[in-house]
Structure formats: structure tokens, C-alpha cells
Amino acid sequence: MINNKKLLNQIFSIIFISVLVSVAYNQFRSEPLSLVKKKIQILTEVPSLDAMLLEPTITGIDINLAQTLFENNVIFIDARSEEYFNEGHIPNAICKDDFVSLVVQLENILGMDDPFVVYCSDDDCGSSEELSYELQSYGFNNIYLFKGGWKEWQNAGLPEEK
């Protein structure tokens, strides 16, 4: 019993010291990592090229901007499973069922700085946001996140494909 308590105290001490060292190290980095995920800003119009940042960005967009980007032939990526994608999706959207094959497909049709839109079911669906961060960490820049997703697209009476 005493050995178990001593062992637990050692484990908690090691964990506490590890966390403390990690947080302290992060604060002294030239670019500290954020401890909280950044909130995605929702745009209502396409920014000028001068206004776009050179670093990778994920920018939230509303239905009007999603429609404008669609009309300008920007690529849309559906973060839902293939089952839901097959039931209906934004015309010419790419289904993300396998991340590696999606990246290969994107690399064949886009440059790393070309914009594209990621969406999923609706604003409660987190798949599009997760996929956006995965693609950003892979090196893609200028990612637009359409949080309203498929539900808002359908409700607006915009084109659909099955």
C-alpha cells in the first residue's frame, strides 16, 4: 500500500513537472503555440489579393460567398462520408473519404496557394473544420471553411448533384 502511494506520488510529480516544463518552453519559443484553437472569422465577400495573408489561412465563409466561389469554379471538398456524399452534394465537389487520396487528388489539380472550400453537413458538423486543419498542416494555404455546409446550401435552393 505504501509503495503504491509512493509510486502514484512519483507519477503525478513527473506529469506535473513535464507539463510545467512544456508550458514554459512554449512561452520562450520565437513563435509560441496557441493553447486555445483560434476562432475562425466568417467573411461575407472575397478579399482582395493584397489583403490575403502569405501564411496559411483558414477563413470561414457565409452562403453568399460560398455561392460566389462556386460560380467562379473554386474547388469544393465535402468532408462528409462517401455514403452522405452519394446522397447529394455540391456539384463537382470532391469527397474526402481517404485523406491520402484526397491530398494526391488536390496536388494534381491545385497549387498549395490556390483557394478551395471545405464543407460538411451543417454548422454543427466539425468534420469540415478538422479536415481544414489537416490540410493546412499538410501545407495547403487559403482554405475557405463553409460552416453552413450542405444543409444551408440545400435550403438556399442552390445546385445539387447526386
N, C-alpha and C. Protein backbone atom coordinates (compact mmCIF):
# COMPACT_ATOMS: atom_id res chain seq x y z
N MET A 1 0.83 -1.19 0.00
CA MET A 1 0.00 0.00 0.00
C MET A 1 0.87 1.26 0.00
N ILE A 2 1.90 1.28 0.82
CA ILE A 2 2.78 2.45 0.89
C ILE A 2 3.52 2.60 -0.43
N ASN A 3 3.98 1.50 -1.02
CA ASN A 3 4.69 1.57 -2.29
C ASN A 3 3.79 2.11 -3.40
N ASN A 4 2.50 1.70 -3.38
CA ASN A 4 1.57 2.20 -4.39
C ASN A 4 1.36 3.70 -4.26
N LYS A 5 1.25 4.17 -3.03
CA LYS A 5 1.06 5.60 -2.80
C LYS A 5 2.30 6.38 -3.21
N LYS A 6 3.47 5.84 -2.89
CA LYS A 6 4.72 6.48 -3.27
C LYS A 6 4.86 6.51 -4.79
N LEU A 7 4.49 5.41 -5.44
CA LEU A 7 4.55 5.33 -6.89
C LEU A 7 3.60 6.35 -7.53
N LEU A 8 2.38 6.45 -7.02
CA LEU A 8 1.42 7.43 -7.54
C LEU A 8 1.94 8.86 -7.38
N ASN A 9 2.53 9.16 -6.22
CA ASN A 9 3.11 10.49 -6.00
C ASN A 9 4.22 10.78 -6.99
N GLN A 10 5.05 9.77 -7.29
CA GLN A 10 6.13 9.95 -8.26
C GLN A 10 5.55 10.20 -9.66
N ILE A 11 4.52 9.44 -10.01
CA ILE A 11 3.91 9.61 -11.33
C ILE A 11 3.32 11.00 -11.47
N PHE A 12 2.55 11.45 -10.47
CA PHE A 12 1.96 12.79 -10.52
C PHE A 12 3.03 13.87 -10.55
N SER A 13 4.11 13.67 -9.82
CA SER A 13 5.21 14.64 -9.82
C SER A 13 5.84 14.74 -11.20
N ILE A 14 6.06 13.60 -11.84
CA ILE A 14 6.66 13.59 -13.17
C ILE A 14 5.74 14.27 -14.18
N ILE A 15 4.45 13.97 -14.11
CA ILE A 15 3.49 14.59 -15.01
C ILE A 15 3.43 16.09 -14.79
N PHE A 16 3.37 16.52 -13.55
CA PHE A 16 3.30 17.94 -13.22
C PHE A 16 4.55 18.67 -13.74
N ILE A 17 5.72 18.12 -13.50
CA ILE A 17 6.96 18.74 -13.95
C ILE A 17 7.01 18.78 -15.48
N SER A 18 6.55 17.71 -16.14
CA SER A 18 6.53 17.67 -17.61
C SER A 18 5.65 18.76 -18.18
N VAL A 19 4.46 18.91 -17.62
CA VAL A 19 3.54 19.95 -18.09
C VAL A 19 4.14 21.33 -17.85
N LEU A 20 4.70 21.54 -16.69
CA LEU A 20 5.30 22.83 -16.35
C LEU A 20 6.45 23.16 -17.30
N VAL A 21 7.32 22.22 -17.58
CA VAL A 21 8.44 22.44 -18.49
C VAL A 21 7.93 22.72 -19.91
N SER A 22 6.89 21.97 -20.35
CA SER A 22 6.34 22.15 -21.69
C SER A 22 5.74 23.54 -21.87
N VAL A 23 4.96 23.99 -20.89
CA VAL A 23 4.34 25.31 -20.97
C VAL A 23 5.42 26.40 -20.95
N ALA A 24 6.40 26.24 -20.09
CA ALA A 24 7.48 27.23 -20.01
C ALA A 24 8.27 27.27 -21.32
N TYR A 25 8.59 26.11 -21.87
CA TYR A 25 9.32 26.05 -23.15
C TYR A 25 8.52 26.73 -24.25
N ASN A 26 7.23 26.47 -24.31
CA ASN A 26 6.38 27.07 -25.34
C ASN A 26 6.40 28.60 -25.25
N GLN A 27 6.41 29.14 -24.05
CA GLN A 27 6.38 30.59 -23.87
C GLN A 27 7.66 31.26 -24.34
N PHE A 28 8.77 30.52 -24.38
CA PHE A 28 10.04 31.11 -24.77
C PHE A 28 10.40 30.82 -26.24
N ARG A 29 9.52 30.15 -26.95
CA ARG A 29 9.73 29.92 -28.38
C ARG A 29 9.60 31.24 -29.11
N SER A 30 10.22 31.34 -30.30
CA SER A 30 10.10 32.57 -31.08
C SER A 30 8.65 32.78 -31.53
N GLU A 31 7.93 31.69 -31.80
CA GLU A 31 6.51 31.75 -32.14
C GLU A 31 5.77 30.74 -31.27
N PRO A 32 5.35 31.13 -30.06
CA PRO A 32 4.68 30.18 -29.17
C PRO A 32 3.40 29.61 -29.78
N LEU A 33 3.15 28.35 -29.50
CA LEU A 33 1.92 27.72 -29.95
C LEU A 33 0.76 28.22 -29.11
N SER A 34 -0.37 28.41 -29.74
CA SER A 34 -1.55 28.86 -29.02
C SER A 34 -2.08 27.72 -28.17
N LEU A 35 -2.47 28.01 -26.94
CA LEU A 35 -3.03 26.98 -26.07
C LEU A 35 -4.50 26.76 -26.36
N VAL A 36 -5.10 27.70 -27.09
CA VAL A 36 -6.51 27.61 -27.45
C VAL A 36 -6.63 27.76 -28.96
N LYS A 37 -7.47 26.93 -29.58
CA LYS A 37 -7.66 26.99 -31.03
C LYS A 37 -8.23 28.36 -31.41
N LYS A 38 -7.66 28.95 -32.48
CA LYS A 38 -8.13 30.25 -32.93
C LYS A 38 -9.54 30.14 -33.48
N LYS A 39 -10.35 31.15 -33.22
CA LYS A 39 -11.71 31.20 -33.75
C LYS A 39 -11.62 31.60 -35.22
N ILE A 40 -12.39 30.92 -36.05
CA ILE A 40 -12.37 31.19 -37.47
C ILE A 40 -13.30 32.36 -37.78
N GLN A 41 -12.75 33.35 -38.50
CA GLN A 41 -13.51 34.54 -38.87
C GLN A 41 -14.36 34.21 -40.09
N ILE A 42 -15.62 34.67 -40.11
CA ILE A 42 -16.52 34.45 -41.23
C ILE A 42 -16.50 35.68 -42.14
N LEU A 43 -16.14 35.48 -43.41
CA LEU A 43 -16.14 36.57 -44.38
C LEU A 43 -17.45 36.56 -45.16
N THR A 44 -17.83 37.71 -45.66
CA THR A 44 -19.03 37.81 -46.48
C THR A 44 -18.70 38.22 -47.91
N GLU A 45 -17.43 38.54 -48.19
CA GLU A 45 -17.01 38.86 -49.55
C GLU A 45 -15.57 38.41 -49.73
N VAL A 46 -15.20 38.16 -50.99
CA VAL A 46 -13.85 37.69 -51.29
C VAL A 46 -12.87 38.83 -51.04
N PRO A 47 -11.80 38.57 -50.26
CA PRO A 47 -10.81 39.63 -50.01
C PRO A 47 -9.96 39.87 -51.25
N SER A 48 -9.40 41.05 -51.36
CA SER A 48 -8.50 41.35 -52.47
C SER A 48 -7.22 40.55 -52.27
N LEU A 49 -6.48 40.35 -53.35
CA LEU A 49 -5.23 39.60 -53.24
C LEU A 49 -4.26 40.29 -52.29
N ASP A 50 -4.28 41.61 -52.26
CA ASP A 50 -3.40 42.35 -51.36
C ASP A 50 -3.74 42.10 -49.90
N ALA A 51 -5.01 41.83 -49.63
CA ALA A 51 -5.45 41.63 -48.25
C ALA A 51 -5.18 40.22 -47.75
N MET A 52 -4.92 39.30 -48.67
CA MET A 52 -4.69 37.91 -48.26
C MET A 52 -3.31 37.79 -47.60
N LEU A 53 -3.26 37.02 -46.55
CA LEU A 53 -2.00 36.82 -45.84
C LEU A 53 -1.12 35.83 -46.58
N LEU A 54 0.18 35.93 -46.38
CA LEU A 54 1.11 35.00 -47.01
C LEU A 54 1.20 33.68 -46.24
N GLU A 55 0.80 33.69 -44.99
CA GLU A 55 0.83 32.45 -44.19
C GLU A 55 -0.45 31.68 -44.42
N PRO A 56 -0.43 30.36 -44.17
CA PRO A 56 -1.63 29.55 -44.38
C PRO A 56 -2.80 30.09 -43.57
N THR A 57 -3.96 30.15 -44.20
CA THR A 57 -5.14 30.66 -43.50
C THR A 57 -6.33 29.74 -43.72
N ILE A 58 -7.18 29.68 -42.72
CA ILE A 58 -8.49 29.05 -42.83
C ILE A 58 -9.48 30.16 -42.52
N THR A 59 -10.32 30.46 -43.50
CA THR A 59 -11.26 31.57 -43.36
C THR A 59 -12.68 31.06 -43.51
N GLY A 60 -13.52 31.34 -42.53
CA GLY A 60 -14.92 30.96 -42.62
C GLY A 60 -15.66 31.84 -43.61
N ILE A 61 -16.60 31.24 -44.34
CA ILE A 61 -17.38 32.00 -45.32
C ILE A 61 -18.86 31.74 -45.12
N ASP A 62 -19.68 32.68 -45.56
CA ASP A 62 -21.13 32.52 -45.48
C ASP A 62 -21.67 31.96 -46.80
N ILE A 63 -22.97 31.74 -46.89
CA ILE A 63 -23.60 31.14 -48.06
C ILE A 63 -23.41 31.99 -49.31
N ASN A 64 -23.47 33.31 -49.19
CA ASN A 64 -23.31 34.18 -50.36
C ASN A 64 -21.92 34.07 -50.96
N LEU A 65 -20.92 34.06 -50.09
CA LEU A 65 -19.55 33.93 -50.59
C LEU A 65 -19.31 32.52 -51.12
N ALA A 66 -19.91 31.52 -50.50
CA ALA A 66 -19.79 30.14 -51.00
C ALA A 66 -20.35 30.07 -52.42
N GLN A 67 -21.49 30.69 -52.64
CA GLN A 67 -22.11 30.69 -53.96
C GLN A 67 -21.21 31.42 -54.98
N THR A 68 -20.66 32.55 -54.59
CA THR A 68 -19.76 33.31 -55.47
C THR A 68 -18.54 32.48 -55.84
N LEU A 69 -17.95 31.81 -54.86
CA LEU A 69 -16.78 30.97 -55.13
C LEU A 69 -17.15 29.80 -56.05
N PHE A 70 -18.32 29.21 -55.81
CA PHE A 70 -18.81 28.13 -56.67
C PHE A 70 -18.96 28.61 -58.11
N GLU A 71 -19.55 29.78 -58.28
CA GLU A 71 -19.75 30.35 -59.62
C GLU A 71 -18.42 30.70 -60.30
N ASN A 72 -17.37 30.89 -59.49
CA ASN A 72 -16.04 31.17 -60.03
C ASN A 72 -15.18 29.91 -60.14
N ASN A 73 -15.85 28.75 -60.09
CA ASN A 73 -15.19 27.45 -60.28
C ASN A 73 -14.12 27.10 -59.26
N VAL A 74 -14.27 27.60 -58.04
CA VAL A 74 -13.37 27.21 -56.96
C VAL A 74 -13.75 25.79 -56.54
N ILE A 75 -12.75 24.97 -56.24
CA ILE A 75 -12.98 23.57 -55.85
C ILE A 75 -13.64 23.51 -54.47
N PHE A 76 -14.64 22.63 -54.33
CA PHE A 76 -15.30 22.37 -53.05
C PHE A 76 -14.94 20.95 -52.61
N ILE A 77 -14.64 20.79 -51.33
CA ILE A 77 -14.34 19.49 -50.77
C ILE A 77 -15.38 19.16 -49.72
N ASP A 78 -16.03 18.03 -49.89
CA ASP A 78 -17.08 17.56 -48.97
C ASP A 78 -16.42 16.68 -47.91
N ALA A 79 -16.47 17.10 -46.65
CA ALA A 79 -15.83 16.38 -45.56
C ALA A 79 -16.69 15.26 -45.00
N ARG A 80 -17.90 15.09 -45.53
CA ARG A 80 -18.78 14.03 -45.05
C ARG A 80 -18.32 12.68 -45.60
N SER A 81 -18.87 11.62 -45.04
CA SER A 81 -18.53 10.28 -45.53
C SER A 81 -19.09 10.09 -46.93
N GLU A 82 -18.54 9.12 -47.65
CA GLU A 82 -18.95 8.85 -49.03
C GLU A 82 -20.44 8.51 -49.11
N GLU A 83 -20.96 7.86 -48.08
CA GLU A 83 -22.38 7.50 -48.04
C GLU A 83 -23.26 8.74 -48.15
N TYR A 84 -22.98 9.78 -47.36
CA TYR A 84 -23.75 11.02 -47.41
C TYR A 84 -23.47 11.79 -48.69
N PHE A 85 -22.22 11.78 -49.13
CA PHE A 85 -21.83 12.45 -50.37
C PHE A 85 -22.66 11.91 -51.54
N ASN A 86 -22.82 10.58 -51.60
CA ASN A 86 -23.56 9.96 -52.69
C ASN A 86 -25.05 10.29 -52.67
N GLU A 87 -25.57 10.66 -51.51
CA GLU A 87 -26.98 11.05 -51.40
C GLU A 87 -27.22 12.44 -52.00
N GLY A 88 -26.19 13.24 -52.08
CA GLY A 88 -26.29 14.57 -52.65
C GLY A 88 -25.13 15.44 -52.18
N HIS A 89 -24.65 16.31 -53.07
CA HIS A 89 -23.52 17.18 -52.75
C HIS A 89 -23.50 18.39 -53.68
N ILE A 90 -22.62 19.32 -53.40
CA ILE A 90 -22.42 20.48 -54.25
C ILE A 90 -21.78 19.98 -55.56
N PRO A 91 -22.30 20.41 -56.71
CA PRO A 91 -21.77 19.93 -57.99
C PRO A 91 -20.24 20.05 -58.09
N ASN A 92 -19.64 18.99 -58.61
CA ASN A 92 -18.19 18.89 -58.84
C ASN A 92 -17.36 18.86 -57.56
N ALA A 93 -18.01 18.72 -56.40
CA ALA A 93 -17.26 18.64 -55.15
C ALA A 93 -16.47 17.33 -55.11
N ILE A 94 -15.41 17.34 -54.34
CA ILE A 94 -14.57 16.17 -54.14
C ILE A 94 -14.92 15.57 -52.78
N CYS A 95 -15.09 14.26 -52.74
CA CYS A 95 -15.40 13.59 -51.48
C CYS A 95 -14.11 13.25 -50.74
N LYS A 96 -14.09 13.50 -49.46
CA LYS A 96 -12.92 13.20 -48.62
C LYS A 96 -13.21 11.92 -47.84
N ASP A 97 -13.04 10.78 -48.43
CA ASP A 97 -13.21 9.57 -47.63
C ASP A 97 -11.86 9.04 -47.17
N ASP A 98 -10.80 9.35 -47.92
CA ASP A 98 -9.45 8.93 -47.56
C ASP A 98 -8.53 10.14 -47.71
N PHE A 99 -7.89 10.53 -46.61
CA PHE A 99 -7.09 11.76 -46.60
C PHE A 99 -5.94 11.70 -47.61
N VAL A 100 -5.24 10.58 -47.66
CA VAL A 100 -4.09 10.48 -48.56
C VAL A 100 -4.52 10.62 -50.02
N SER A 101 -5.59 9.93 -50.41
CA SER A 101 -6.04 10.05 -51.80
C SER A 101 -6.58 11.46 -52.09
N LEU A 102 -7.18 12.09 -51.09
CA LEU A 102 -7.64 13.48 -51.27
C LEU A 102 -6.46 14.40 -51.52
N VAL A 103 -5.40 14.26 -50.74
CA VAL A 103 -4.22 15.12 -50.91
C VAL A 103 -3.61 14.91 -52.29
N VAL A 104 -3.50 13.65 -52.72
CA VAL A 104 -2.94 13.37 -54.05
C VAL A 104 -3.81 14.03 -55.12
N GLN A 105 -5.12 13.90 -55.00
CA GLN A 105 -6.04 14.49 -55.95
C GLN A 105 -5.90 16.01 -55.97
N LEU A 106 -5.82 16.63 -54.78
CA LEU A 106 -5.69 18.09 -54.71
C LEU A 106 -4.37 18.56 -55.31
N GLU A 107 -3.30 17.83 -55.04
CA GLU A 107 -1.99 18.21 -55.59
C GLU A 107 -1.98 18.14 -57.12
N ASN A 108 -2.82 17.28 -57.68
CA ASN A 108 -2.88 17.16 -59.14
C ASN A 108 -3.69 18.27 -59.80
N ILE A 109 -4.59 18.92 -59.04
CA ILE A 109 -5.44 19.94 -59.66
C ILE A 109 -5.23 21.34 -59.10
N LEU A 110 -4.55 21.46 -57.96
CA LEU A 110 -4.34 22.77 -57.32
C LEU A 110 -2.89 22.98 -56.95
N GLY A 111 -2.51 24.23 -56.85
CA GLY A 111 -1.25 24.57 -56.22
C GLY A 111 -1.48 24.74 -54.73
N MET A 112 -0.45 24.74 -53.95
CA MET A 112 -0.59 24.86 -52.49
C MET A 112 -1.20 26.19 -52.07
N ASP A 113 -1.11 27.22 -52.91
CA ASP A 113 -1.65 28.54 -52.58
C ASP A 113 -3.02 28.81 -53.21
N ASP A 114 -3.52 27.86 -54.02
CA ASP A 114 -4.83 28.06 -54.64
C ASP A 114 -5.94 27.88 -53.62
N PRO A 115 -6.96 28.72 -53.67
CA PRO A 115 -8.06 28.60 -52.69
C PRO A 115 -8.98 27.43 -53.02
N PHE A 116 -9.59 26.87 -51.97
CA PHE A 116 -10.63 25.87 -52.11
C PHE A 116 -11.53 25.95 -50.90
N VAL A 117 -12.71 25.35 -51.00
CA VAL A 117 -13.73 25.42 -49.95
C VAL A 117 -13.94 24.03 -49.35
N VAL A 118 -14.00 23.95 -48.04
CA VAL A 118 -14.30 22.70 -47.34
C VAL A 118 -15.64 22.88 -46.64
N TYR A 119 -16.51 21.86 -46.76
CA TYR A 119 -17.81 21.92 -46.09
C TYR A 119 -18.20 20.53 -45.61
N CYS A 120 -19.18 20.47 -44.72
CA CYS A 120 -19.76 19.19 -44.31
C CYS A 120 -21.27 19.36 -44.19
N SER A 121 -21.91 18.68 -43.26
CA SER A 121 -23.38 18.67 -43.18
C SER A 121 -23.99 20.03 -42.87
N ASP A 122 -23.56 20.63 -41.75
CA ASP A 122 -24.14 21.91 -41.32
C ASP A 122 -23.19 22.56 -40.33
N ASP A 123 -23.63 23.66 -39.72
CA ASP A 123 -22.73 24.39 -38.82
C ASP A 123 -22.41 23.64 -37.53
N ASP A 124 -23.14 22.56 -37.23
CA ASP A 124 -22.82 21.76 -36.04
C ASP A 124 -21.81 20.66 -36.34
N CYS A 125 -21.55 20.42 -37.61
CA CYS A 125 -20.63 19.36 -38.04
C CYS A 125 -19.19 19.87 -37.91
N GLY A 126 -18.35 19.13 -37.23
CA GLY A 126 -16.96 19.54 -37.05
C GLY A 126 -16.00 18.94 -38.06
N SER A 127 -16.49 18.05 -38.93
CA SER A 127 -15.61 17.37 -39.89
C SER A 127 -14.91 18.33 -40.83
N SER A 128 -15.62 19.36 -41.28
CA SER A 128 -15.01 20.30 -42.22
C SER A 128 -13.89 21.09 -41.56
N GLU A 129 -14.10 21.46 -40.31
CA GLU A 129 -13.06 22.20 -39.60
C GLU A 129 -11.84 21.32 -39.36
N GLU A 130 -12.07 20.07 -38.94
CA GLU A 130 -10.95 19.14 -38.72
C GLU A 130 -10.17 18.92 -40.01
N LEU A 131 -10.89 18.70 -41.11
CA LEU A 131 -10.23 18.47 -42.39
C LEU A 131 -9.45 19.72 -42.81
N SER A 132 -10.02 20.89 -42.58
CA SER A 132 -9.33 22.14 -42.93
C SER A 132 -7.99 22.25 -42.21
N TYR A 133 -7.98 21.93 -40.91
CA TYR A 133 -6.74 21.99 -40.14
C TYR A 133 -5.74 20.93 -40.61
N GLU A 134 -6.23 19.73 -40.99
CA GLU A 134 -5.34 18.69 -41.51
C GLU A 134 -4.69 19.15 -42.82
N LEU A 135 -5.50 19.72 -43.71
CA LEU A 135 -4.98 20.18 -44.99
C LEU A 135 -4.02 21.35 -44.80
N GLN A 136 -4.32 22.22 -43.85
CA GLN A 136 -3.42 23.33 -43.55
C GLN A 136 -2.08 22.81 -43.03
N SER A 137 -2.13 21.83 -42.14
CA SER A 137 -0.87 21.30 -41.60
C SER A 137 -0.08 20.56 -42.67
N TYR A 138 -0.75 20.06 -43.70
CA TYR A 138 -0.07 19.42 -44.82
C TYR A 138 0.65 20.45 -45.68
N GLY A 139 0.17 21.70 -45.67
CA GLY A 139 0.83 22.76 -46.43
C GLY A 139 -0.06 23.54 -47.36
N PHE A 140 -1.35 23.19 -47.42
CA PHE A 140 -2.26 23.96 -48.26
C PHE A 140 -2.58 25.30 -47.59
N ASN A 141 -2.67 26.34 -48.39
CA ASN A 141 -2.95 27.69 -47.90
C ASN A 141 -4.31 28.13 -48.44
N ASN A 142 -4.83 29.21 -47.91
CA ASN A 142 -6.06 29.83 -48.43
C ASN A 142 -7.24 28.87 -48.47
N ILE A 143 -7.54 28.30 -47.34
CA ILE A 143 -8.66 27.37 -47.22
C ILE A 143 -9.88 28.14 -46.73
N TYR A 144 -10.98 27.98 -47.46
CA TYR A 144 -12.24 28.58 -47.05
C TYR A 144 -13.09 27.50 -46.39
N LEU A 145 -13.67 27.83 -45.26
CA LEU A 145 -14.49 26.89 -44.49
C LEU A 145 -15.94 27.37 -44.53
N PHE A 146 -16.78 26.59 -45.20
CA PHE A 146 -18.20 26.92 -45.31
C PHE A 146 -18.93 26.16 -44.21
N LYS A 147 -19.12 26.83 -43.07
CA LYS A 147 -19.72 26.19 -41.89
C LYS A 147 -21.19 25.84 -42.08
N GLY A 148 -21.93 26.58 -42.90
CA GLY A 148 -23.34 26.27 -43.13
C GLY A 148 -23.53 24.93 -43.81
N GLY A 149 -22.56 24.55 -44.61
CA GLY A 149 -22.50 23.24 -45.23
C GLY A 149 -23.64 22.88 -46.14
N TRP A 150 -23.78 21.57 -46.33
CA TRP A 150 -24.76 21.02 -47.26
C TRP A 150 -26.18 21.45 -46.93
N LYS A 151 -26.52 21.49 -45.65
CA LYS A 151 -27.89 21.86 -45.24
C LYS A 151 -28.22 23.28 -45.69
N GLU A 152 -27.33 24.23 -45.43
CA GLU A 152 -27.59 25.62 -45.82
C GLU A 152 -27.60 25.76 -47.34
N TRP A 153 -26.73 25.02 -48.02
CA TRP A 153 -26.68 25.03 -49.49
C TRP A 153 -28.03 24.58 -50.06
N GLN A 154 -28.55 23.46 -49.54
CA GLN A 154 -29.85 22.95 -49.99
C GLN A 154 -30.97 23.93 -49.68
N ASN A 155 -30.98 24.47 -48.46
CA ASN A 155 -32.04 25.41 -48.05
C ASN A 155 -32.06 26.67 -48.92
N ALA A 156 -30.89 27.02 -49.47
CA ALA A 156 -30.81 28.21 -50.35
C ALA A 156 -31.24 27.88 -51.78
N GLY A 157 -31.54 26.60 -52.04
CA GLY A 157 -32.01 26.20 -53.37
C GLY A 157 -30.90 26.25 -54.43
N LEU A 158 -29.65 26.07 -54.00
CA LEU A 158 -28.53 26.11 -54.93
C LEU A 158 -28.35 24.75 -55.63
N PRO A 159 -27.60 24.70 -56.73
CA PRO A 159 -27.46 23.46 -57.50
C PRO A 159 -26.96 22.28 -56.65
N GLU A 160 -27.49 21.10 -56.98
CA GLU A 160 -27.13 19.86 -56.29
C GLU A 160 -26.74 18.80 -57.31
N GLU A 161 -25.97 17.86 -56.85
CA GLU A 161 -25.55 16.75 -57.70
C GLU A 161 -25.62 15.47 -56.89
N LYS A 162 -25.98 14.35 -57.57
CA LYS A 162 -26.02 13.04 -56.89
C LYS A 162 -25.19 12.05 -57.65
